[in-house]
Amino acid sequence: MEYDHITRLFKSLSDKNRIRILKMLEERPLCVCEIKSILGLATSTTSKHLSILKDAQLIFEQKEHKWVNYHLNRASQHVYIKAILPLIRSWLNDDPIILKDKQQVKNIDRTTLCSL
């Protein structure tokens, strides 16, 4: 149902950490350990946020070698996702927290963070 999807979509955007995750994924795909390190959250909390964003179809996961990376769902053909992702990209770009997160994304090294 369309109402169910749009409700999930807007609920997924109602948390500052999920917004931060989306803004980080604008830079590049990230794994859970990178995201949790930048947010300063527990793995379980980070995974829950990622699950909510996946359920709303804003992101998807893809296994790449030994990593599971999260990507923005830019190729989605769903009308709501196609409409909202460009808007999110234009939001909060001068926010100090978002700027700090994006700088951390550029400098983070998953090989030192994640023990697999």
PDB file of N, CA and C in Angstrom:
ATOM      1  N   MET A   1       0.820  -1.190   0.000  1.00  0.00           N
ATOM      2  CA  MET A   1       0.000   0.000   0.000  1.00  0.00           C
ATOM      3  C   MET A   1       0.867   1.258   0.000  1.00  0.00           C
ATOM      4  N   GLU A   2       0.431   2.221  -0.730  1.00  0.00           N
ATOM      5  CA  GLU A   2       1.179   3.479  -0.813  1.00  0.00           C
ATOM      6  C   GLU A   2       1.261   4.198   0.535  1.00  0.00           C
ATOM      7  N   TYR A   3       0.156   4.182   1.301  1.00  0.00           N
ATOM      8  CA  TYR A   3       0.170   4.844   2.608  1.00  0.00           C
ATOM      9  C   TYR A   3       1.204   4.229   3.528  1.00  0.00           C
ATOM     10  N   ASP A   4       1.312   2.912   3.485  1.00  0.00           N
ATOM     11  CA  ASP A   4       2.287   2.233   4.332  1.00  0.00           C
ATOM     12  C   ASP A   4       3.708   2.643   3.965  1.00  0.00           C
ATOM     13  N   HIS A   5       3.992   2.700   2.674  1.00  0.00           N
ATOM     14  CA  HIS A   5       5.348   3.053   2.256  1.00  0.00           C
ATOM     15  C   HIS A   5       5.695   4.493   2.617  1.00  0.00           C
ATOM     16  N   ILE A   6       4.807   5.408   2.354  1.00  0.00           N
ATOM     17  CA  ILE A   6       5.111   6.805   2.657  1.00  0.00           C
ATOM     18  C   ILE A   6       5.211   7.036   4.168  1.00  0.00           C
ATOM     19  N   THR A   7       4.442   6.287   4.939  1.00  0.00           N
ATOM     20  CA  THR A   7       4.557   6.385   6.395  1.00  0.00           C
ATOM     21  C   THR A   7       5.916   5.887   6.860  1.00  0.00           C
ATOM     22  N   ARG A   8       6.361   4.735   6.329  1.00  0.00           N
ATOM     23  CA  ARG A   8       7.700   4.219   6.663  1.00  0.00           C
ATOM     24  C   ARG A   8       8.781   5.208   6.247  1.00  0.00           C
ATOM     25  N   LEU A   9       8.611   5.802   5.075  1.00  0.00           N
ATOM     26  CA  LEU A   9       9.590   6.764   4.575  1.00  0.00           C
ATOM     27  C   LEU A   9       9.724   7.952   5.522  1.00  0.00           C
ATOM     28  N   PHE A  10       8.613   8.550   5.886  1.00  0.00           N
ATOM     29  CA  PHE A  10       8.687   9.712   6.756  1.00  0.00           C
ATOM     30  C   PHE A  10       9.119   9.359   8.173  1.00  0.00           C
ATOM     31  N   LYS A  11       8.732   8.199   8.670  1.00  0.00           N
ATOM     32  CA  LYS A  11       9.216   7.771   9.985  1.00  0.00           C
ATOM     33  C   LYS A  11      10.730   7.576   9.949  1.00  0.00           C
ATOM     34  N   SER A  12      11.236   7.055   8.836  1.00  0.00           N
ATOM     35  CA  SER A  12      12.679   6.837   8.732  1.00  0.00           C
ATOM     36  C   SER A  12      13.454   8.150   8.760  1.00  0.00           C
ATOM     37  N   LEU A  13      12.817   9.226   8.336  1.00  0.00           N
ATOM     38  CA  LEU A  13      13.481  10.539   8.317  1.00  0.00           C
ATOM     39  C   LEU A  13      13.278  11.318   9.612  1.00  0.00           C
ATOM     40  N   SER A  14      12.634  10.705  10.596  1.00  0.00           N
ATOM     41  CA  SER A  14      12.302  11.425  11.823  1.00  0.00           C
ATOM     42  C   SER A  14      13.376  11.319  12.901  1.00  0.00           C
ATOM     43  N   ASP A  15      14.531  10.795  12.564  1.00  0.00           N
ATOM     44  CA  ASP A  15      15.608  10.630  13.537  1.00  0.00           C
ATOM     45  C   ASP A  15      16.882  11.285  13.013  1.00  0.00           C
ATOM     46  N   LYS A  16      17.539  12.076  13.862  1.00  0.00           N
ATOM     47  CA  LYS A  16      18.738  12.797  13.406  1.00  0.00           C
ATOM     48  C   LYS A  16      19.870  11.861  13.000  1.00  0.00           C
ATOM     49  N   ASN A  17      20.002  10.712  13.668  1.00  0.00           N
ATOM     50  CA  ASN A  17      21.076   9.790  13.283  1.00  0.00           C
ATOM     51  C   ASN A  17      20.828   9.173  11.919  1.00  0.00           C
ATOM     52  N   ARG A  18      19.578   8.924  11.586  1.00  0.00           N
ATOM     53  CA  ARG A  18      19.280   8.378  10.247  1.00  0.00           C
ATOM     54  C   ARG A  18      19.523   9.434   9.170  1.00  0.00           C
ATOM     55  N   ILE A  19      19.220  10.681   9.477  1.00  0.00           N
ATOM     56  CA  ILE A  19      19.556  11.763   8.533  1.00  0.00           C
ATOM     57  C   ILE A  19      21.072  11.835   8.356  1.00  0.00           C
ATOM     58  N   ARG A  20      21.800  11.748   9.452  1.00  0.00           N
ATOM     59  CA  ARG A  20      23.265  11.771   9.373  1.00  0.00           C
ATOM     60  C   ARG A  20      23.784  10.618   8.516  1.00  0.00           C
ATOM     61  N   ILE A  21      23.199   9.436   8.673  1.00  0.00           N
ATOM     62  CA  ILE A  21      23.617   8.276   7.865  1.00  0.00           C
ATOM     63  C   ILE A  21      23.388   8.562   6.377  1.00  0.00           C
ATOM     64  N   LEU A  22      22.224   9.065   6.044  1.00  0.00           N
ATOM     65  CA  LEU A  22      21.942   9.380   4.638  1.00  0.00           C
ATOM     66  C   LEU A  22      22.935  10.392   4.086  1.00  0.00           C
ATOM     67  N   LYS A  23      23.234  11.415   4.876  1.00  0.00           N
ATOM     68  CA  LYS A  23      24.190  12.439   4.425  1.00  0.00           C
ATOM     69  C   LYS A  23      25.596  11.839   4.263  1.00  0.00           C
ATOM     70  N   MET A  24      25.989  10.911   5.139  1.00  0.00           N
ATOM     71  CA  MET A  24      27.294  10.254   5.006  1.00  0.00           C
ATOM     72  C   MET A  24      27.348   9.408   3.740  1.00  0.00           C
ATOM     73  N   LEU A  25      26.243   8.709   3.460  1.00  0.00           N
ATOM     74  CA  LEU A  25      26.211   7.841   2.285  1.00  0.00           C
ATOM     75  C   LEU A  25      26.197   8.629   0.979  1.00  0.00           C
ATOM     76  N   GLU A  26      25.954   9.923   1.049  1.00  0.00           N
ATOM     77  CA  GLU A  26      26.111  10.757  -0.150  1.00  0.00           C
ATOM     78  C   GLU A  26      27.567  10.778  -0.597  1.00  0.00           C
ATOM     79  N   GLU A  27      28.477  10.627   0.338  1.00  0.00           N
ATOM     80  CA  GLU A  27      29.913  10.667   0.027  1.00  0.00           C
ATOM     81  C   GLU A  27      30.387   9.369  -0.617  1.00  0.00           C
ATOM     82  N   ARG A  28      29.988   8.238   0.000  1.00  0.00           N
ATOM     83  CA  ARG A  28      30.396   6.929  -0.519  1.00  0.00           C
ATOM     84  C   ARG A  28      29.709   5.841   0.287  1.00  0.00           C
ATOM     85  N   PRO A  29      29.692   4.614  -0.243  1.00  0.00           N
ATOM     86  CA  PRO A  29      29.151   3.494   0.526  1.00  0.00           C
ATOM     87  C   PRO A  29      29.987   3.266   1.793  1.00  0.00           C
ATOM     88  N   LEU A  30      29.328   2.839   2.846  1.00  0.00           N
ATOM     89  CA  LEU A  30      29.999   2.605   4.126  1.00  0.00           C
ATOM     90  C   LEU A  30      29.527   1.295   4.737  1.00  0.00           C
ATOM     91  N   CYS A  31      30.376   0.697   5.556  1.00  0.00           N
ATOM     92  CA  CYS A  31      29.985  -0.499   6.300  1.00  0.00           C
ATOM     93  C   CYS A  31      29.497  -0.082   7.691  1.00  0.00           C
ATOM     94  N   VAL A  32      28.914  -1.022   8.408  1.00  0.00           N
ATOM     95  CA  VAL A  32      28.355  -0.731   9.734  1.00  0.00           C
ATOM     96  C   VAL A  32      29.416  -0.165  10.666  1.00  0.00           C
ATOM     97  N   CYS A  33      30.599  -0.750  10.680  1.00  0.00           N
ATOM     98  CA  CYS A  33      31.615  -0.294  11.636  1.00  0.00           C
ATOM     99  C   CYS A  33      32.050   1.145  11.355  1.00  0.00           C
ATOM    100  N   GLU A  34      32.079   1.546  10.091  1.00  0.00           N
ATOM    101  CA  GLU A  34      32.409   2.936   9.772  1.00  0.00           C
ATOM    102  C   GLU A  34      31.305   3.875  10.250  1.00  0.00           C
ATOM    103  N   ILE A  35      30.071   3.496   9.984  1.00  0.00           N
ATOM    104  CA  ILE A  35      28.933   4.334  10.371  1.00  0.00           C
ATOM    105  C   ILE A  35      28.859   4.450  11.887  1.00  0.00           C
ATOM    106  N   LYS A  36      28.987   3.337  12.588  1.00  0.00           N
ATOM    107  CA  LYS A  36      28.891   3.360  14.047  1.00  0.00           C
ATOM    108  C   LYS A  36      30.025   4.169  14.663  1.00  0.00           C
ATOM    109  N   SER A  37      31.195   4.101  14.068  1.00  0.00           N
ATOM    110  CA  SER A  37      32.327   4.866  14.583  1.00  0.00           C
ATOM    111  C   SER A  37      32.083   6.369  14.461  1.00  0.00           C
ATOM    112  N   ILE A  38      31.575   6.798  13.319  1.00  0.00           N
ATOM    113  CA  ILE A  38      31.304   8.223  13.108  1.00  0.00           C
ATOM    114  C   ILE A  38      30.169   8.704  14.010  1.00  0.00           C
ATOM    115  N   LEU A  39      29.115   7.902  14.127  1.00  0.00           N
ATOM    116  CA  LEU A  39      27.980   8.306  14.957  1.00  0.00           C
ATOM    117  C   LEU A  39      28.263   8.163  16.446  1.00  0.00           C
ATOM    118  N   GLY A  40      29.209   7.295  16.808  1.00  0.00           N
ATOM    119  CA  GLY A  40      29.488   7.048  18.221  1.00  0.00           C
ATOM    120  C   GLY A  40      28.399   6.237  18.893  1.00  0.00           C
ATOM    121  N   LEU A  41      27.787   5.326  18.142  1.00  0.00           N
ATOM    122  CA  LEU A  41      26.697   4.502  18.649  1.00  0.00           C
ATOM    123  C   LEU A  41      27.129   3.038  18.733  1.00  0.00           C
ATOM    124  N   ALA A  42      26.371   2.256  19.464  1.00  0.00           N
ATOM    125  CA  ALA A  42      26.601   0.811  19.526  1.00  0.00           C
ATOM    126  C   ALA A  42      26.267   0.185  18.178  1.00  0.00           C
ATOM    127  N   THR A  43      26.855  -0.960  17.916  1.00  0.00           N
ATOM    128  CA  THR A  43      26.589  -1.676  16.666  1.00  0.00           C
ATOM    129  C   THR A  43      25.107  -1.998  16.529  1.00  0.00           C
ATOM    130  N   SER A  44      24.483  -2.450  17.600  1.00  0.00           N
ATOM    131  CA  SER A  44      23.066  -2.823  17.525  1.00  0.00           C
ATOM    132  C   SER A  44      22.182  -1.618  17.203  1.00  0.00           C
ATOM    133  N   THR A  45      22.496  -0.475  17.766  1.00  0.00           N
ATOM    134  CA  THR A  45      21.726   0.746  17.493  1.00  0.00           C
ATOM    135  C   THR A  45      21.921   1.183  16.047  1.00  0.00           C
ATOM    136  N   THR A  46      23.163   1.143  15.598  1.00  0.00           N
ATOM    137  CA  THR A  46      23.461   1.502  14.209  1.00  0.00           C
ATOM    138  C   THR A  46      22.744   0.562  13.250  1.00  0.00           C
ATOM    139  N   SER A  47      22.784  -0.725  13.543  1.00  0.00           N
ATOM    140  CA  SER A  47      22.106  -1.711  12.690  1.00  0.00           C
ATOM    141  C   SER A  47      20.602  -1.470  12.651  1.00  0.00           C
ATOM    142  N   LYS A  48      20.020  -1.088  13.767  1.00  0.00           N
ATOM    143  CA  LYS A  48      18.578  -0.796  13.799  1.00  0.00           C
ATOM    144  C   LYS A  48      18.265   0.405  12.901  1.00  0.00           C
ATOM    145  N   HIS A  49      19.072   1.459  12.977  1.00  0.00           N
ATOM    146  CA  HIS A  49      18.871   2.621  12.105  1.00  0.00           C
ATOM    147  C   HIS A  49      18.980   2.220  10.634  1.00  0.00           C
ATOM    148  N   LEU A  50      19.963   1.396  10.312  1.00  0.00           N
ATOM    149  CA  LEU A  50      20.137   0.943   8.931  1.00  0.00           C
ATOM    150  C   LEU A  50      18.950   0.095   8.484  1.00  0.00           C
ATOM    151  N   SER A  51      18.448  -0.724   9.361  1.00  0.00           N
ATOM    152  CA  SER A  51      17.283  -1.549   9.046  1.00  0.00           C
ATOM    153  C   SER A  51      16.061  -0.689   8.725  1.00  0.00           C
ATOM    154  N   ILE A  52      15.864   0.357   9.478  1.00  0.00           N
ATOM    155  CA  ILE A  52      14.729   1.262   9.238  1.00  0.00           C
ATOM    156  C   ILE A  52      14.881   1.968   7.897  1.00  0.00           C
ATOM    157  N   LEU A  53      16.088   2.411   7.578  1.00  0.00           N
ATOM    158  CA  LEU A  53      16.336   3.075   6.294  1.00  0.00           C
ATOM    159  C   LEU A  53      16.166   2.095   5.128  1.00  0.00           C
ATOM    160  N   LYS A  54      16.588   0.837   5.325  1.00  0.00           N
ATOM    161  CA  LYS A  54      16.384  -0.188   4.295  1.00  0.00           C
ATOM    162  C   LYS A  54      14.910  -0.478   4.096  1.00  0.00           C
ATOM    163  N   ASP A  55      14.173  -0.580   5.191  1.00  0.00           N
ATOM    164  CA  ASP A  55      12.741  -0.857   5.120  1.00  0.00           C
ATOM    165  C   ASP A  55      12.005   0.246   4.358  1.00  0.00           C
ATOM    166  N   ALA A  56      12.496   1.473   4.490  1.00  0.00           N
ATOM    167  CA  ALA A  56      11.897   2.605   3.768  1.00  0.00           C
ATOM    168  C   ALA A  56      12.411   2.683   2.326  1.00  0.00           C
ATOM    169  N   GLN A  57      13.339   1.801   1.964  1.00  0.00           N
ATOM    170  CA  GLN A  57      13.927   1.720   0.625  1.00  0.00           C
ATOM    171  C   GLN A  57      14.810   2.906   0.270  1.00  0.00           C
ATOM    172  N   LEU A  58      15.307   3.613   1.274  1.00  0.00           N
ATOM    173  CA  LEU A  58      16.226   4.724   1.021  1.00  0.00           C
ATOM    174  C   LEU A  58      17.651   4.237   0.784  1.00  0.00           C
ATOM    175  N   ILE A  59      17.977   3.085   1.348  1.00  0.00           N
ATOM    176  CA  ILE A  59      19.315   2.512   1.183  1.00  0.00           C
ATOM    177  C   ILE A  59      19.182   1.031   0.856  1.00  0.00           C
ATOM    178  N   PHE A  60      20.295   0.455   0.411  1.00  0.00           N
ATOM    179  CA  PHE A  60      20.373  -0.986   0.221  1.00  0.00           C
ATOM    180  C   PHE A  60      21.757  -1.437   0.629  1.00  0.00           C
ATOM    181  N   GLU A  61      21.876  -2.727   0.921  1.00  0.00           N
ATOM    182  CA  GLU A  61      23.181  -3.278   1.279  1.00  0.00           C
ATOM    183  C   GLU A  61      23.678  -4.160   0.148  1.00  0.00           C
ATOM    184  N   GLN A  62      24.998  -4.198   0.030  1.00  0.00           N
ATOM    185  CA  GLN A  62      25.616  -5.008  -1.018  1.00  0.00           C
ATOM    186  C   GLN A  62      26.905  -5.592  -0.477  1.00  0.00           C
ATOM    187  N   LYS A  63      27.037  -6.897  -0.598  1.00  0.00           N
ATOM    188  CA  LYS A  63      28.265  -7.553  -0.162  1.00  0.00           C
ATOM    189  C   LYS A  63      29.334  -7.331  -1.220  1.00  0.00           C
ATOM    190  N   GLU A  64      30.461  -6.830  -0.769  1.00  0.00           N
ATOM    191  CA  GLU A  64      31.604  -6.584  -1.647  1.00  0.00           C
ATOM    192  C   GLU A  64      32.843  -7.164  -0.972  1.00  0.00           C
ATOM    193  N   HIS A  65      33.261  -8.318  -1.455  1.00  0.00           N
ATOM    194  CA  HIS A  65      34.357  -9.079  -0.859  1.00  0.00           C
ATOM    195  C   HIS A  65      33.970  -9.426   0.573  1.00  0.00           C
ATOM    196  N   LYS A  66      34.768  -9.022   1.550  1.00  0.00           N
ATOM    197  CA  LYS A  66      34.443  -9.370   2.938  1.00  0.00           C
ATOM    198  C   LYS A  66      33.587  -8.305   3.630  1.00  0.00           C
ATOM    199  N   TRP A  67      33.207  -7.260   2.914  1.00  0.00           N
ATOM    200  CA  TRP A  67      32.442  -6.160   3.507  1.00  0.00           C
ATOM    201  C   TRP A  67      30.990  -6.174   3.046  1.00  0.00           C
ATOM    202  N   VAL A  68      30.109  -5.737   3.915  1.00  0.00           N
ATOM    203  CA  VAL A  68      28.730  -5.445   3.534  1.00  0.00           C
ATOM    204  C   VAL A  68      28.609  -3.933   3.577  1.00  0.00           C
ATOM    205  N   ASN A  69      28.448  -3.339   2.413  1.00  0.00           N
ATOM    206  CA  ASN A  69      28.381  -1.885   2.306  1.00  0.00           C
ATOM    207  C   ASN A  69      26.943  -1.418   2.132  1.00  0.00           C
ATOM    208  N   TYR A  70      26.676  -0.264   2.680  1.00  0.00           N
ATOM    209  CA  TYR A  70      25.368   0.370   2.542  1.00  0.00           C
ATOM    210  C   TYR A  70      25.492   1.507   1.545  1.00  0.00           C
ATOM    211  N   HIS A  71      24.511   1.574   0.658  1.00  0.00           N
ATOM    212  CA  HIS A  71      24.490   2.552  -0.428  1.00  0.00           C
ATOM    213  C   HIS A  71      23.170   3.305  -0.397  1.00  0.00           C
ATOM    214  N   LEU A  72      23.177   4.549  -0.852  1.00  0.00           N
ATOM    215  CA  LEU A  72      21.917   5.235  -1.115  1.00  0.00           C
ATOM    216  C   LEU A  72      21.240   4.545  -2.285  1.00  0.00           C
ATOM    217  N   ASN A  73      19.940   4.479  -2.258  1.00  0.00           N
ATOM    218  CA  ASN A  73      19.180   3.797  -3.309  1.00  0.00           C
ATOM    219  C   ASN A  73      18.867   4.779  -4.451  1.00  0.00           C
ATOM    220  N   ARG A  74      19.915   5.317  -5.055  1.00  0.00           N
ATOM    221  CA  ARG A  74      19.757   6.325  -6.115  1.00  0.00           C
ATOM    222  C   ARG A  74      19.086   5.782  -7.366  1.00  0.00           C
ATOM    223  N   ALA A  75      19.169   4.487  -7.595  1.00  0.00           N
ATOM    224  CA  ALA A  75      18.598   3.897  -8.807  1.00  0.00           C
ATOM    225  C   ALA A  75      17.144   3.473  -8.629  1.00  0.00           C
ATOM    226  N   SER A  76      16.594   3.740  -7.468  1.00  0.00           N
ATOM    227  CA  SER A  76      15.208   3.345  -7.221  1.00  0.00           C
ATOM    228  C   SER A  76      14.279   3.978  -8.247  1.00  0.00           C
ATOM    229  N   GLN A  77      13.302   3.195  -8.669  1.00  0.00           N
ATOM    230  CA  GLN A  77      12.284   3.715  -9.579  1.00  0.00           C
ATOM    231  C   GLN A  77      11.016   4.110  -8.832  1.00  0.00           C
ATOM    232  N   HIS A  78      11.055   3.942  -7.505  1.00  0.00           N
ATOM    233  CA  HIS A  78       9.893   4.307  -6.709  1.00  0.00           C
ATOM    234  C   HIS A  78       9.757   5.826  -6.669  1.00  0.00           C
ATOM    235  N   VAL A  79       8.583   6.312  -6.941  1.00  0.00           N
ATOM    236  CA  VAL A  79       8.344   7.748  -7.084  1.00  0.00           C
ATOM    237  C   VAL A  79       8.749   8.532  -5.839  1.00  0.00           C
ATOM    238  N   TYR A  80       8.466   7.992  -4.645  1.00  0.00           N
ATOM    239  CA  TYR A  80       8.792   8.730  -3.420  1.00  0.00           C
ATOM    240  C   TYR A  80      10.303   8.800  -3.190  1.00  0.00           C
ATOM    241  N   ILE A  81      10.972   7.710  -3.449  1.00  0.00           N
ATOM    242  CA  ILE A  81      12.428   7.684  -3.254  1.00  0.00           C
ATOM    243  C   ILE A  81      13.103   8.596  -4.280  1.00  0.00           C
ATOM    244  N   LYS A  82      12.654   8.520  -5.526  1.00  0.00           N
ATOM    245  CA  LYS A  82      13.211   9.392  -6.565  1.00  0.00           C
ATOM    246  C   LYS A  82      13.004  10.867  -6.229  1.00  0.00           C
ATOM    247  N   ALA A  83      11.932  11.188  -5.536  1.00  0.00           N
ATOM    248  CA  ALA A  83      11.645  12.580  -5.193  1.00  0.00           C
ATOM    249  C   ALA A  83      12.404  13.043  -3.951  1.00  0.00           C
ATOM    250  N   ILE A  84      12.525  12.177  -2.963  1.00  0.00           N
ATOM    251  CA  ILE A  84      13.070  12.615  -1.674  1.00  0.00           C
ATOM    252  C   ILE A  84      14.596  12.644  -1.632  1.00  0.00           C
ATOM    253  N   LEU A  85      15.275  11.713  -2.302  1.00  0.00           N
ATOM    254  CA  LEU A  85      16.741  11.698  -2.227  1.00  0.00           C
ATOM    255  C   LEU A  85      17.387  12.993  -2.724  1.00  0.00           C
ATOM    256  N   PRO A  86      16.946  13.576  -3.849  1.00  0.00           N
ATOM    257  CA  PRO A  86      17.537  14.859  -4.253  1.00  0.00           C
ATOM    258  C   PRO A  86      17.262  15.984  -3.248  1.00  0.00           C
ATOM    259  N   LEU A  87      16.118  15.940  -2.606  1.00  0.00           N
ATOM    260  CA  LEU A  87      15.825  16.946  -1.577  1.00  0.00           C
ATOM    261  C   LEU A  87      16.763  16.801  -0.392  1.00  0.00           C
ATOM    262  N   ILE A  88      16.940  15.567   0.067  1.00  0.00           N
ATOM    263  CA  ILE A  88      17.844  15.325   1.194  1.00  0.00           C
ATOM    264  C   ILE A  88      19.248  15.796   0.853  1.00  0.00           C
ATOM    265  N   ARG A  89      19.652  15.558  -0.383  1.00  0.00           N
ATOM    266  CA  ARG A  89      20.998  15.980  -0.809  1.00  0.00           C
ATOM    267  C   ARG A  89      21.173  17.491  -0.693  1.00  0.00           C
ATOM    268  N   SER A  90      20.094  18.247  -0.839  1.00  0.00           N
ATOM    269  CA  SER A  90      20.195  19.712  -0.769  1.00  0.00           C
ATOM    270  C   SER A  90      20.053  20.255   0.657  1.00  0.00           C
ATOM    271  N   TRP A  91      19.704  19.397   1.609  1.00  0.00           N
ATOM    272  CA  TRP A  91      19.490  19.831   2.988  1.00  0.00           C
ATOM    273  C   TRP A  91      20.752  19.724   3.836  1.00  0.00           C
ATOM    274  N   LEU A  92      20.905  20.648   4.783  1.00  0.00           N
ATOM    275  CA  LEU A  92      21.879  20.584   5.871  1.00  0.00           C
ATOM    276  C   LEU A  92      23.342  20.594   5.429  1.00  0.00           C
ATOM    277  N   ASN A  93      23.622  21.044   4.243  1.00  0.00           N
ATOM    278  CA  ASN A  93      24.995  20.974   3.742  1.00  0.00           C
ATOM    279  C   ASN A  93      25.957  21.927   4.443  1.00  0.00           C
ATOM    280  N   ASP A  94      25.449  22.910   5.164  1.00  0.00           N
ATOM    281  CA  ASP A  94      26.304  23.818   5.930  1.00  0.00           C
ATOM    282  C   ASP A  94      26.261  23.521   7.421  1.00  0.00           C
ATOM    283  N   ASP A  95      25.553  22.476   7.804  1.00  0.00           N
ATOM    284  CA  ASP A  95      25.443  22.116   9.214  1.00  0.00           C
ATOM    285  C   ASP A  95      26.789  21.599   9.729  1.00  0.00           C
ATOM    286  N   PRO A  96      27.266  22.102  10.870  1.00  0.00           N
ATOM    287  CA  PRO A  96      28.580  21.673  11.382  1.00  0.00           C
ATOM    288  C   PRO A  96      28.684  20.169  11.642  1.00  0.00           C
ATOM    289  N   ILE A  97      27.629  19.554  12.127  1.00  0.00           N
ATOM    290  CA  ILE A  97      27.676  18.112  12.389  1.00  0.00           C
ATOM    291  C   ILE A  97      27.786  17.336  11.082  1.00  0.00           C
ATOM    292  N   ILE A  98      27.016  17.736  10.085  1.00  0.00           N
ATOM    293  CA  ILE A  98      27.060  17.061   8.780  1.00  0.00           C
ATOM    294  C   ILE A  98      28.431  17.261   8.141  1.00  0.00           C
ATOM    295  N   LEU A  99      28.965  18.461   8.212  1.00  0.00           N
ATOM    296  CA  LEU A  99      30.298  18.729   7.652  1.00  0.00           C
ATOM    297  C   LEU A  99      31.365  17.878   8.339  1.00  0.00           C
ATOM    298  N   LYS A 100      31.269  17.763   9.663  1.00  0.00           N
ATOM    299  CA  LYS A 100      32.231  16.933  10.411  1.00  0.00           C
ATOM    300  C   LYS A 100      32.092  15.467  10.015  1.00  0.00           C
ATOM    301  N   ASP A 101      30.851  14.985   9.933  1.00  0.00           N
ATOM    302  CA  ASP A 101      30.622  13.596   9.516  1.00  0.00           C
ATOM    303  C   ASP A 101      31.221  13.325   8.148  1.00  0.00           C
ATOM    304  N   LYS A 102      30.972  14.226   7.211  1.00  0.00           N
ATOM    305  CA  LYS A 102      31.472  14.017   5.843  1.00  0.00           C
ATOM    306  C   LYS A 102      33.002  14.030   5.796  1.00  0.00           C
ATOM    307  N   GLN A 103      33.625  14.855   6.631  1.00  0.00           N
ATOM    308  CA  GLN A 103      35.085  14.861   6.702  1.00  0.00           C
ATOM    309  C   GLN A 103      35.586  13.530   7.269  1.00  0.00           C
ATOM    310  N   GLN A 104      34.891  13.027   8.277  1.00  0.00           N
ATOM    311  CA  GLN A 104      35.274  11.737   8.850  1.00  0.00           C
ATOM    312  C   GLN A 104      35.119  10.612   7.829  1.00  0.00           C
ATOM    313  N   VAL A 105      34.088  10.673   7.014  1.00  0.00           N
ATOM    314  CA  VAL A 105      33.887   9.664   5.963  1.00  0.00           C
ATOM    315  C   VAL A 105      35.097   9.651   5.037  1.00  0.00           C
ATOM    316  N   LYS A 106      35.618  10.804   4.720  1.00  0.00           N
ATOM    317  CA  LYS A 106      36.772  10.883   3.814  1.00  0.00           C
ATOM    318  C   LYS A 106      38.030  10.295   4.437  1.00  0.00           C
ATOM    319  N   ASN A 107      38.136  10.350   5.763  1.00  0.00           N
ATOM    320  CA  ASN A 107      39.368   9.949   6.435  1.00  0.00           C
ATOM    321  C   ASN A 107      39.305   8.591   7.121  1.00  0.00           C
ATOM    322  N   ILE A 108      38.132   8.000   7.223  1.00  0.00           N
ATOM    323  CA  ILE A 108      37.984   6.770   7.997  1.00  0.00           C
ATOM    324  C   ILE A 108      38.617   5.587   7.268  1.00  0.00           C
ATOM    325  N   ASP A 109      39.228   4.704   8.039  1.00  0.00           N
ATOM    326  CA  ASP A 109      39.889   3.513   7.479  1.00  0.00           C
ATOM    327  C   ASP A 109      39.273   2.277   8.098  1.00  0.00           C
ATOM    328  N   ARG A 110      38.427   1.613   7.336  1.00  0.00           N
ATOM    329  CA  ARG A 110      37.698   0.457   7.864  1.00  0.00           C
ATOM    330  C   ARG A 110      38.602  -0.677   8.298  1.00  0.00           C
ATOM    331  N   THR A 111      39.771  -0.790   7.709  1.00  0.00           N
ATOM    332  CA  THR A 111      40.645  -1.909   8.053  1.00  0.00           C
ATOM    333  C   THR A 111      41.151  -1.799   9.491  1.00  0.00           C
ATOM    334  N   THR A 112      41.239  -0.594  10.031  1.00  0.00           N
ATOM    335  CA  THR A 112      41.652  -0.444  11.426  1.00  0.00           C
ATOM    336  C   THR A 112      40.469  -0.483  12.379  1.00  0.00           C
ATOM    337  N   LEU A 113      39.252  -0.258  11.867  1.00  0.00           N
ATOM    338  CA  LEU A 113      38.051  -0.241  12.707  1.00  0.00           C
ATOM    339  C   LEU A 113      37.412  -1.600  12.860  1.00  0.00           C
ATOM    340  N   CYS A 114      37.369  -2.336  11.781  1.00  0.00           N
ATOM    341  CA  CYS A 114      36.545  -3.545  11.716  1.00  0.00           C
ATOM    342  C   CYS A 114      37.427  -4.780  11.807  1.00  0.00           C
ATOM    343  N   SER A 115      37.148  -5.589  12.784  1.00  0.00           N
ATOM    344  CA  SER A 115      37.852  -6.863  12.858  1.00  0.00           C
ATOM    345  C   SER A 115      36.893  -7.953  12.415  1.00  0.00           C
ATOM    346  N   LEU A 116      37.195  -8.555  11.304  1.00  0.00           N
ATOM    347  CA  LEU A 116      36.321  -9.594  10.745  1.00  0.00           C
ATOM    348  C   LEU A 116      36.897 -10.962  10.968  1.00  0.00           C
TER     349      LEU A 116
END
